[in-house]
Amino acid sequence: MVSSRISGSLTDLTVYTRRSVDFGKPEQPLELRNPRLVLGKGLLINMLDDTEIPETNAQSAFDAIENHNGVVLDVRERHELEQISVAGAIHIPLGDLHLRLDEVPRDKDVYLLCHVGQRSAMATGFLRQIGHDRAWNIGGGIIAWVKAGLPVEWPGRG
């Protein structure tokens, strides 16, 4: 394994370029199709070169979920979920995704969601790089979901 340590004011990062994977041990570095990934405490940044990010719109994702062909994986932080969320979504903050891969279904399409689609695009790219070929970014995030008139929960409006 080749790694380099980068220290910064926000977090410490480790860049892994190892080409082996053990899904049973998520604390281990992961095999990547394009082995440039930055993992850190509470942070996951996908360095995308040639990985395509498949994207769909909110309505198509909702239709697949309604037909039991998919699930929403919301990668926003807890404080964001306290404002608005999608009922039935799996919630894994982006920075924890590499530690909680066992919670990501592999038998259905997984539609990744964040606020506007940037973090979910990184998460989609990451999942694709480790071989999860059923991951799709929801373009526009929760904003697009709401604009499409799709159902949401407003926990903060109790």
N, C-alpha and C. Protein backbone atom coordinates (compact mmCIF):
# COMPACT_ATOMS: atom_id res chain seq x y z
N MET A 1 0.85 -1.17 0.00
CA MET A 1 0.00 0.00 0.00
C MET A 1 0.89 1.23 0.00
N VAL A 2 0.54 2.17 -0.83
CA VAL A 2 1.23 3.44 -0.86
C VAL A 2 0.29 4.46 -0.25
N SER A 3 0.76 5.23 0.68
CA SER A 3 -0.10 6.27 1.24
C SER A 3 0.76 7.45 1.60
N SER A 4 0.13 8.60 1.63
CA SER A 4 0.82 9.79 2.09
C SER A 4 -0.10 10.51 3.05
N ARG A 5 0.47 11.15 4.02
CA ARG A 5 -0.30 11.82 5.06
C ARG A 5 -0.29 13.31 4.78
N ILE A 6 -1.47 13.91 4.82
CA ILE A 6 -1.62 15.34 4.60
C ILE A 6 -2.28 15.90 5.84
N SER A 7 -1.73 16.92 6.44
CA SER A 7 -2.35 17.54 7.60
C SER A 7 -2.89 18.91 7.21
N GLY A 8 -4.05 19.21 7.70
CA GLY A 8 -4.65 20.50 7.42
C GLY A 8 -5.39 20.99 8.64
N SER A 9 -5.90 22.19 8.56
CA SER A 9 -6.59 22.76 9.71
C SER A 9 -7.95 22.11 9.94
N LEU A 10 -8.58 21.58 8.91
CA LEU A 10 -9.90 21.00 9.06
C LEU A 10 -9.86 19.54 9.48
N THR A 11 -8.95 18.79 8.92
CA THR A 11 -8.89 17.36 9.20
C THR A 11 -7.56 16.80 8.74
N ASP A 12 -7.24 15.63 9.20
CA ASP A 12 -6.07 14.91 8.69
C ASP A 12 -6.57 13.96 7.61
N LEU A 13 -5.86 13.91 6.50
CA LEU A 13 -6.27 13.09 5.38
C LEU A 13 -5.20 12.07 5.08
N THR A 14 -5.61 10.92 4.59
CA THR A 14 -4.69 9.91 4.11
C THR A 14 -5.08 9.58 2.68
N VAL A 15 -4.13 9.60 1.79
CA VAL A 15 -4.39 9.26 0.40
C VAL A 15 -3.97 7.82 0.20
N TYR A 16 -4.91 6.96 -0.16
CA TYR A 16 -4.64 5.55 -0.36
C TYR A 16 -4.55 5.24 -1.84
N THR A 17 -3.59 4.43 -2.21
CA THR A 17 -3.50 3.95 -3.58
C THR A 17 -3.34 2.43 -3.59
N ARG A 18 -3.90 1.77 -2.62
CA ARG A 18 -3.83 0.31 -2.50
C ARG A 18 -4.86 -0.33 -3.42
N ARG A 19 -4.55 -1.49 -3.96
CA ARG A 19 -5.46 -2.16 -4.87
C ARG A 19 -5.97 -3.48 -4.28
N SER A 20 -6.48 -3.45 -3.09
CA SER A 20 -7.11 -4.64 -2.51
C SER A 20 -8.30 -4.20 -1.70
N VAL A 21 -9.29 -5.06 -1.63
CA VAL A 21 -10.51 -4.70 -0.93
C VAL A 21 -10.96 -5.85 -0.06
N ASP A 22 -11.50 -5.51 1.08
CA ASP A 22 -12.10 -6.49 1.96
C ASP A 22 -13.34 -5.82 2.53
N PHE A 23 -14.51 -6.11 1.94
CA PHE A 23 -15.74 -5.45 2.38
C PHE A 23 -16.09 -5.82 3.81
N GLY A 24 -15.51 -6.89 4.33
CA GLY A 24 -15.76 -7.28 5.70
C GLY A 24 -14.99 -6.42 6.70
N LYS A 25 -14.01 -5.68 6.22
CA LYS A 25 -13.20 -4.83 7.08
C LYS A 25 -13.18 -3.42 6.51
N PRO A 26 -14.25 -2.64 6.73
CA PRO A 26 -14.33 -1.32 6.09
C PRO A 26 -13.27 -0.34 6.55
N GLU A 27 -12.56 -0.66 7.64
CA GLU A 27 -11.51 0.25 8.08
C GLU A 27 -10.27 0.13 7.20
N GLN A 28 -10.23 -0.90 6.34
CA GLN A 28 -9.10 -1.10 5.44
C GLN A 28 -9.28 -0.25 4.18
N PRO A 29 -8.19 0.13 3.53
CA PRO A 29 -8.29 0.83 2.25
C PRO A 29 -9.04 -0.03 1.24
N LEU A 30 -9.67 0.59 0.27
CA LEU A 30 -10.52 -0.09 -0.68
C LEU A 30 -9.89 -0.17 -2.06
N GLU A 31 -10.25 -1.22 -2.81
CA GLU A 31 -9.80 -1.32 -4.18
C GLU A 31 -10.60 -0.33 -5.03
N LEU A 32 -9.93 0.39 -5.85
CA LEU A 32 -10.58 1.37 -6.70
C LEU A 32 -10.24 1.12 -8.16
N ARG A 33 -11.18 1.38 -9.03
CA ARG A 33 -10.89 1.27 -10.45
C ARG A 33 -9.88 2.34 -10.85
N ASN A 34 -10.01 3.48 -10.28
CA ASN A 34 -9.05 4.57 -10.47
C ASN A 34 -8.54 4.89 -9.07
N PRO A 35 -7.38 4.39 -8.69
CA PRO A 35 -6.98 4.40 -7.28
C PRO A 35 -6.50 5.75 -6.74
N ARG A 36 -7.34 6.74 -6.80
CA ARG A 36 -7.00 8.03 -6.18
C ARG A 36 -8.19 8.49 -5.38
N LEU A 37 -8.13 8.25 -4.11
CA LEU A 37 -9.22 8.57 -3.21
C LEU A 37 -8.65 9.16 -1.94
N VAL A 38 -9.27 10.18 -1.45
CA VAL A 38 -8.83 10.79 -0.21
C VAL A 38 -9.86 10.46 0.86
N LEU A 39 -9.44 9.75 1.90
CA LEU A 39 -10.32 9.41 3.00
C LEU A 39 -9.79 10.09 4.25
N GLY A 40 -10.67 10.64 5.04
CA GLY A 40 -10.23 11.26 6.27
C GLY A 40 -11.28 11.15 7.34
N LYS A 41 -10.93 11.53 8.53
CA LYS A 41 -11.85 11.48 9.65
C LYS A 41 -13.01 12.43 9.38
N GLY A 42 -14.18 11.86 9.13
CA GLY A 42 -15.36 12.68 8.86
C GLY A 42 -15.36 13.30 7.48
N LEU A 43 -14.53 12.80 6.57
CA LEU A 43 -14.44 13.42 5.25
C LEU A 43 -14.13 12.37 4.21
N LEU A 44 -14.78 12.45 3.08
CA LEU A 44 -14.50 11.58 1.96
C LEU A 44 -14.51 12.46 0.72
N ILE A 45 -13.42 12.51 0.02
CA ILE A 45 -13.34 13.30 -1.20
C ILE A 45 -12.94 12.36 -2.31
N ASN A 46 -13.73 12.26 -3.34
CA ASN A 46 -13.42 11.39 -4.45
C ASN A 46 -12.69 12.19 -5.52
N MET A 47 -11.49 11.78 -5.85
CA MET A 47 -10.72 12.44 -6.88
C MET A 47 -11.04 11.76 -8.20
N LEU A 48 -11.95 12.33 -8.94
CA LEU A 48 -12.46 11.69 -10.15
C LEU A 48 -11.66 12.09 -11.38
N ASP A 49 -11.20 11.12 -12.12
CA ASP A 49 -10.56 11.38 -13.39
C ASP A 49 -11.43 10.84 -14.50
N ASP A 50 -11.50 9.51 -14.58
CA ASP A 50 -12.21 8.90 -15.69
C ASP A 50 -13.49 8.17 -15.26
N THR A 51 -13.88 8.33 -14.02
CA THR A 51 -15.10 7.67 -13.55
C THR A 51 -16.30 8.50 -13.97
N GLU A 52 -17.19 7.90 -14.72
CA GLU A 52 -18.42 8.60 -15.10
C GLU A 52 -19.38 8.59 -13.93
N ILE A 53 -20.09 9.67 -13.74
CA ILE A 53 -21.09 9.76 -12.68
C ILE A 53 -22.46 9.66 -13.34
N PRO A 54 -23.08 8.49 -13.27
CA PRO A 54 -24.40 8.36 -13.86
C PRO A 54 -25.40 9.16 -13.04
N GLU A 55 -26.21 9.92 -13.73
CA GLU A 55 -27.15 10.81 -13.05
C GLU A 55 -28.56 10.59 -13.58
N THR A 56 -29.50 10.74 -12.69
CA THR A 56 -30.90 10.66 -13.06
C THR A 56 -31.62 11.83 -12.41
N ASN A 57 -32.87 12.04 -12.79
CA ASN A 57 -33.63 13.12 -12.16
C ASN A 57 -34.45 12.57 -11.00
N ALA A 58 -34.95 13.47 -10.20
CA ALA A 58 -35.67 13.09 -8.99
C ALA A 58 -36.90 12.23 -9.31
N GLN A 59 -37.65 12.60 -10.35
CA GLN A 59 -38.87 11.86 -10.68
C GLN A 59 -38.55 10.42 -11.07
N SER A 60 -37.52 10.22 -11.88
CA SER A 60 -37.14 8.85 -12.27
C SER A 60 -36.71 8.03 -11.07
N ALA A 61 -35.96 8.65 -10.16
CA ALA A 61 -35.55 7.94 -8.94
C ALA A 61 -36.78 7.58 -8.11
N PHE A 62 -37.69 8.52 -7.95
CA PHE A 62 -38.91 8.26 -7.17
C PHE A 62 -39.72 7.12 -7.79
N ASP A 63 -39.85 7.12 -9.11
CA ASP A 63 -40.60 6.06 -9.78
C ASP A 63 -39.97 4.69 -9.53
N ALA A 64 -38.65 4.61 -9.58
CA ALA A 64 -37.97 3.34 -9.33
C ALA A 64 -38.19 2.89 -7.89
N ILE A 65 -38.16 3.83 -6.97
CA ILE A 65 -38.37 3.50 -5.56
C ILE A 65 -39.80 3.02 -5.33
N GLU A 66 -40.74 3.70 -5.94
CA GLU A 66 -42.15 3.30 -5.81
C GLU A 66 -42.39 1.91 -6.37
N ASN A 67 -41.63 1.52 -7.39
CA ASN A 67 -41.75 0.19 -7.99
C ASN A 67 -40.87 -0.84 -7.29
N HIS A 68 -40.32 -0.46 -6.12
CA HIS A 68 -39.47 -1.35 -5.31
C HIS A 68 -38.20 -1.79 -6.04
N ASN A 69 -37.74 -0.96 -6.97
CA ASN A 69 -36.51 -1.26 -7.70
C ASN A 69 -35.32 -0.44 -7.23
N GLY A 70 -35.51 0.36 -6.20
CA GLY A 70 -34.42 1.20 -5.75
C GLY A 70 -34.66 1.78 -4.37
N VAL A 71 -33.61 2.38 -3.83
CA VAL A 71 -33.67 3.05 -2.53
C VAL A 71 -32.93 4.38 -2.64
N VAL A 72 -33.29 5.31 -1.77
CA VAL A 72 -32.58 6.58 -1.68
C VAL A 72 -31.53 6.45 -0.59
N LEU A 73 -30.32 6.87 -0.92
CA LEU A 73 -29.24 6.96 0.06
C LEU A 73 -28.90 8.44 0.19
N ASP A 74 -29.27 9.02 1.33
CA ASP A 74 -29.06 10.44 1.60
C ASP A 74 -27.72 10.61 2.29
N VAL A 75 -26.80 11.35 1.67
CA VAL A 75 -25.45 11.50 2.22
C VAL A 75 -25.26 12.85 2.94
N ARG A 76 -26.36 13.52 3.24
CA ARG A 76 -26.27 14.79 3.96
C ARG A 76 -25.98 14.55 5.44
N GLU A 77 -25.60 15.61 6.11
CA GLU A 77 -25.32 15.56 7.54
C GLU A 77 -26.62 15.56 8.35
N ARG A 78 -26.53 15.10 9.60
CA ARG A 78 -27.71 14.99 10.47
C ARG A 78 -28.48 16.30 10.59
N HIS A 79 -27.78 17.41 10.76
CA HIS A 79 -28.47 18.69 10.92
C HIS A 79 -29.28 19.05 9.68
N GLU A 80 -28.85 18.59 8.51
CA GLU A 80 -29.62 18.83 7.29
C GLU A 80 -30.88 17.97 7.26
N LEU A 81 -30.77 16.76 7.76
CA LEU A 81 -31.92 15.85 7.80
C LEU A 81 -32.99 16.35 8.75
N GLU A 82 -32.57 17.11 9.74
CA GLU A 82 -33.52 17.65 10.71
C GLU A 82 -34.39 18.73 10.08
N GLN A 83 -33.99 19.25 8.93
CA GLN A 83 -34.77 20.26 8.23
C GLN A 83 -35.77 19.62 7.26
N ILE A 84 -35.29 18.70 6.44
CA ILE A 84 -36.12 18.06 5.43
C ILE A 84 -35.49 16.72 5.05
N SER A 85 -36.33 15.73 4.80
CA SER A 85 -35.79 14.42 4.42
C SER A 85 -36.79 13.68 3.53
N VAL A 86 -36.31 12.62 2.93
CA VAL A 86 -37.13 11.74 2.10
C VAL A 86 -37.48 10.53 2.95
N ALA A 87 -38.77 10.25 3.07
CA ALA A 87 -39.23 9.11 3.87
C ALA A 87 -38.62 7.82 3.34
N GLY A 88 -38.15 6.99 4.26
CA GLY A 88 -37.62 5.69 3.89
C GLY A 88 -36.19 5.70 3.39
N ALA A 89 -35.57 6.87 3.31
CA ALA A 89 -34.19 6.95 2.83
C ALA A 89 -33.23 6.35 3.84
N ILE A 90 -32.15 5.80 3.33
CA ILE A 90 -31.03 5.37 4.16
C ILE A 90 -30.17 6.61 4.37
N HIS A 91 -29.77 6.87 5.60
CA HIS A 91 -28.96 8.06 5.87
C HIS A 91 -27.56 7.67 6.30
N ILE A 92 -26.60 8.00 5.46
CA ILE A 92 -25.18 7.79 5.77
C ILE A 92 -24.45 9.06 5.34
N PRO A 93 -23.97 9.85 6.28
CA PRO A 93 -23.23 11.06 5.88
C PRO A 93 -22.05 10.69 4.97
N LEU A 94 -21.76 11.54 4.02
CA LEU A 94 -20.70 11.28 3.05
C LEU A 94 -19.40 10.86 3.71
N GLY A 95 -19.01 11.52 4.77
CA GLY A 95 -17.75 11.21 5.44
C GLY A 95 -17.71 9.86 6.11
N ASP A 96 -18.88 9.23 6.30
CA ASP A 96 -18.95 7.91 6.93
C ASP A 96 -19.17 6.79 5.92
N LEU A 97 -19.40 7.12 4.68
CA LEU A 97 -19.80 6.12 3.69
C LEU A 97 -18.80 4.97 3.59
N HIS A 98 -17.53 5.27 3.58
CA HIS A 98 -16.52 4.21 3.44
C HIS A 98 -16.49 3.28 4.64
N LEU A 99 -17.04 3.71 5.77
CA LEU A 99 -17.08 2.88 6.97
C LEU A 99 -18.37 2.09 7.09
N ARG A 100 -19.37 2.45 6.28
CA ARG A 100 -20.69 1.82 6.42
C ARG A 100 -21.18 1.19 5.12
N LEU A 101 -20.25 0.67 4.33
CA LEU A 101 -20.60 0.09 3.04
C LEU A 101 -21.57 -1.08 3.16
N ASP A 102 -21.53 -1.78 4.29
CA ASP A 102 -22.43 -2.92 4.47
C ASP A 102 -23.89 -2.50 4.55
N GLU A 103 -24.16 -1.21 4.74
CA GLU A 103 -25.53 -0.71 4.79
C GLU A 103 -26.06 -0.30 3.42
N VAL A 104 -25.21 -0.33 2.41
CA VAL A 104 -25.62 0.07 1.06
C VAL A 104 -26.11 -1.17 0.32
N PRO A 105 -27.39 -1.22 -0.04
CA PRO A 105 -27.92 -2.41 -0.73
C PRO A 105 -27.21 -2.65 -2.05
N ARG A 106 -26.98 -3.91 -2.35
CA ARG A 106 -26.34 -4.26 -3.61
C ARG A 106 -27.33 -4.95 -4.55
N ASP A 107 -28.54 -5.21 -4.06
CA ASP A 107 -29.53 -5.91 -4.87
C ASP A 107 -30.56 -4.98 -5.49
N LYS A 108 -30.38 -3.66 -5.31
CA LYS A 108 -31.29 -2.66 -5.87
C LYS A 108 -30.48 -1.48 -6.38
N ASP A 109 -31.11 -0.68 -7.21
CA ASP A 109 -30.49 0.58 -7.60
C ASP A 109 -30.46 1.48 -6.37
N VAL A 110 -29.37 2.21 -6.22
CA VAL A 110 -29.20 3.13 -5.10
C VAL A 110 -29.13 4.53 -5.68
N TYR A 111 -30.07 5.38 -5.28
CA TYR A 111 -30.15 6.76 -5.77
C TYR A 111 -29.62 7.68 -4.68
N LEU A 112 -28.48 8.30 -4.96
CA LEU A 112 -27.81 9.12 -3.95
C LEU A 112 -28.30 10.55 -4.00
N LEU A 113 -28.50 11.10 -2.80
CA LEU A 113 -29.11 12.42 -2.65
C LEU A 113 -28.33 13.25 -1.65
N CYS A 114 -28.20 14.53 -1.94
CA CYS A 114 -27.66 15.48 -0.98
C CYS A 114 -28.46 16.78 -1.16
N HIS A 115 -27.88 17.91 -0.85
CA HIS A 115 -28.62 19.16 -0.96
C HIS A 115 -28.82 19.57 -2.42
N VAL A 116 -27.73 19.66 -3.18
CA VAL A 116 -27.84 20.09 -4.57
C VAL A 116 -27.23 19.11 -5.57
N GLY A 117 -26.61 18.04 -5.11
CA GLY A 117 -26.10 17.02 -6.01
C GLY A 117 -24.59 16.89 -6.07
N GLN A 118 -23.84 17.73 -5.38
CA GLN A 118 -22.38 17.64 -5.43
C GLN A 118 -21.84 16.50 -4.57
N ARG A 119 -22.24 16.47 -3.30
CA ARG A 119 -21.76 15.40 -2.42
C ARG A 119 -22.27 14.04 -2.89
N SER A 120 -23.51 14.00 -3.36
CA SER A 120 -24.04 12.71 -3.84
C SER A 120 -23.33 12.28 -5.11
N ALA A 121 -22.85 13.21 -5.93
CA ALA A 121 -22.06 12.84 -7.11
C ALA A 121 -20.74 12.22 -6.68
N MET A 122 -20.10 12.78 -5.65
CA MET A 122 -18.86 12.19 -5.14
C MET A 122 -19.12 10.79 -4.60
N ALA A 123 -20.22 10.65 -3.85
CA ALA A 123 -20.55 9.34 -3.28
C ALA A 123 -20.86 8.33 -4.38
N THR A 124 -21.57 8.77 -5.42
CA THR A 124 -21.88 7.89 -6.55
C THR A 124 -20.59 7.44 -7.22
N GLY A 125 -19.69 8.38 -7.47
CA GLY A 125 -18.41 8.03 -8.08
C GLY A 125 -17.62 7.05 -7.23
N PHE A 126 -17.61 7.28 -5.92
CA PHE A 126 -16.92 6.38 -5.00
C PHE A 126 -17.51 4.98 -5.09
N LEU A 127 -18.83 4.86 -5.00
CA LEU A 127 -19.47 3.55 -5.06
C LEU A 127 -19.20 2.86 -6.39
N ARG A 128 -19.23 3.63 -7.47
CA ARG A 128 -18.93 3.05 -8.78
C ARG A 128 -17.49 2.57 -8.85
N GLN A 129 -16.58 3.32 -8.28
CA GLN A 129 -15.17 2.93 -8.32
C GLN A 129 -14.90 1.64 -7.57
N ILE A 130 -15.68 1.34 -6.55
CA ILE A 130 -15.46 0.09 -5.80
C ILE A 130 -16.37 -1.03 -6.29
N GLY A 131 -17.02 -0.80 -7.45
CA GLY A 131 -17.77 -1.87 -8.09
C GLY A 131 -19.26 -1.89 -7.86
N HIS A 132 -19.82 -0.87 -7.24
CA HIS A 132 -21.27 -0.81 -7.04
C HIS A 132 -21.88 -0.15 -8.28
N ASP A 133 -22.18 -0.98 -9.27
CA ASP A 133 -22.62 -0.47 -10.56
C ASP A 133 -24.09 -0.07 -10.61
N ARG A 134 -24.76 -0.11 -9.48
CA ARG A 134 -26.17 0.28 -9.44
C ARG A 134 -26.37 1.57 -8.66
N ALA A 135 -25.33 2.40 -8.61
CA ALA A 135 -25.40 3.69 -7.90
C ALA A 135 -25.67 4.80 -8.92
N TRP A 136 -26.60 5.69 -8.57
CA TRP A 136 -27.00 6.79 -9.45
C TRP A 136 -27.12 8.07 -8.64
N ASN A 137 -26.59 9.16 -9.18
CA ASN A 137 -26.73 10.46 -8.54
C ASN A 137 -28.07 11.07 -8.92
N ILE A 138 -28.76 11.66 -7.95
CA ILE A 138 -29.98 12.41 -8.23
C ILE A 138 -29.56 13.85 -8.48
N GLY A 139 -29.59 14.25 -9.73
CA GLY A 139 -29.18 15.60 -10.11
C GLY A 139 -30.05 16.64 -9.43
N GLY A 140 -29.41 17.64 -8.84
CA GLY A 140 -30.14 18.72 -8.18
C GLY A 140 -30.49 18.43 -6.73
N GLY A 141 -30.23 17.21 -6.26
CA GLY A 141 -30.42 16.87 -4.86
C GLY A 141 -31.84 17.06 -4.33
N ILE A 142 -31.91 17.34 -3.04
CA ILE A 142 -33.22 17.51 -2.38
C ILE A 142 -33.97 18.72 -2.94
N ILE A 143 -33.22 19.70 -3.42
CA ILE A 143 -33.85 20.88 -4.04
C ILE A 143 -34.67 20.44 -5.25
N ALA A 144 -34.08 19.62 -6.12
CA ALA A 144 -34.80 19.12 -7.29
C ALA A 144 -35.96 18.21 -6.88
N TRP A 145 -35.76 17.44 -5.82
CA TRP A 145 -36.82 16.54 -5.32
C TRP A 145 -38.05 17.36 -4.92
N VAL A 146 -37.83 18.43 -4.18
CA VAL A 146 -38.92 19.30 -3.74
C VAL A 146 -39.56 20.00 -4.93
N LYS A 147 -38.75 20.53 -5.84
CA LYS A 147 -39.27 21.23 -7.02
C LYS A 147 -40.12 20.31 -7.89
N ALA A 148 -39.82 19.01 -7.88
CA ALA A 148 -40.61 18.04 -8.65
C ALA A 148 -41.92 17.69 -7.95
N GLY A 149 -42.11 18.23 -6.74
CA GLY A 149 -43.35 17.96 -6.00
C GLY A 149 -43.39 16.58 -5.37
N LEU A 150 -42.24 15.97 -5.16
CA LEU A 150 -42.19 14.63 -4.59
C LEU A 150 -42.31 14.70 -3.07
N PRO A 151 -42.78 13.63 -2.45
CA PRO A 151 -43.04 13.66 -1.01
C PRO A 151 -41.76 13.79 -0.17
N VAL A 152 -41.87 14.62 0.85
CA VAL A 152 -40.77 14.82 1.81
C VAL A 152 -41.35 14.89 3.21
N GLU A 153 -40.47 14.76 4.17
CA GLU A 153 -40.83 14.94 5.56
C GLU A 153 -40.15 16.21 6.05
N TRP A 154 -40.84 16.97 6.89
CA TRP A 154 -40.33 18.21 7.45
C TRP A 154 -40.20 18.06 8.97
N PRO A 155 -39.18 17.33 9.44
CA PRO A 155 -39.06 17.09 10.90
C PRO A 155 -39.01 18.37 11.71
N GLY A 156 -38.44 19.42 11.16
CA GLY A 156 -38.30 20.68 11.89
C GLY A 156 -39.58 21.47 12.01
N ARG A 157 -40.65 20.99 11.38
CA ARG A 157 -41.93 21.70 11.42
C ARG A 157 -42.97 20.97 12.24
N GLY A 158 -42.51 20.35 13.35
CA GLY A 158 -43.37 19.54 14.20
C GLY A 158 -44.58 20.19 14.61
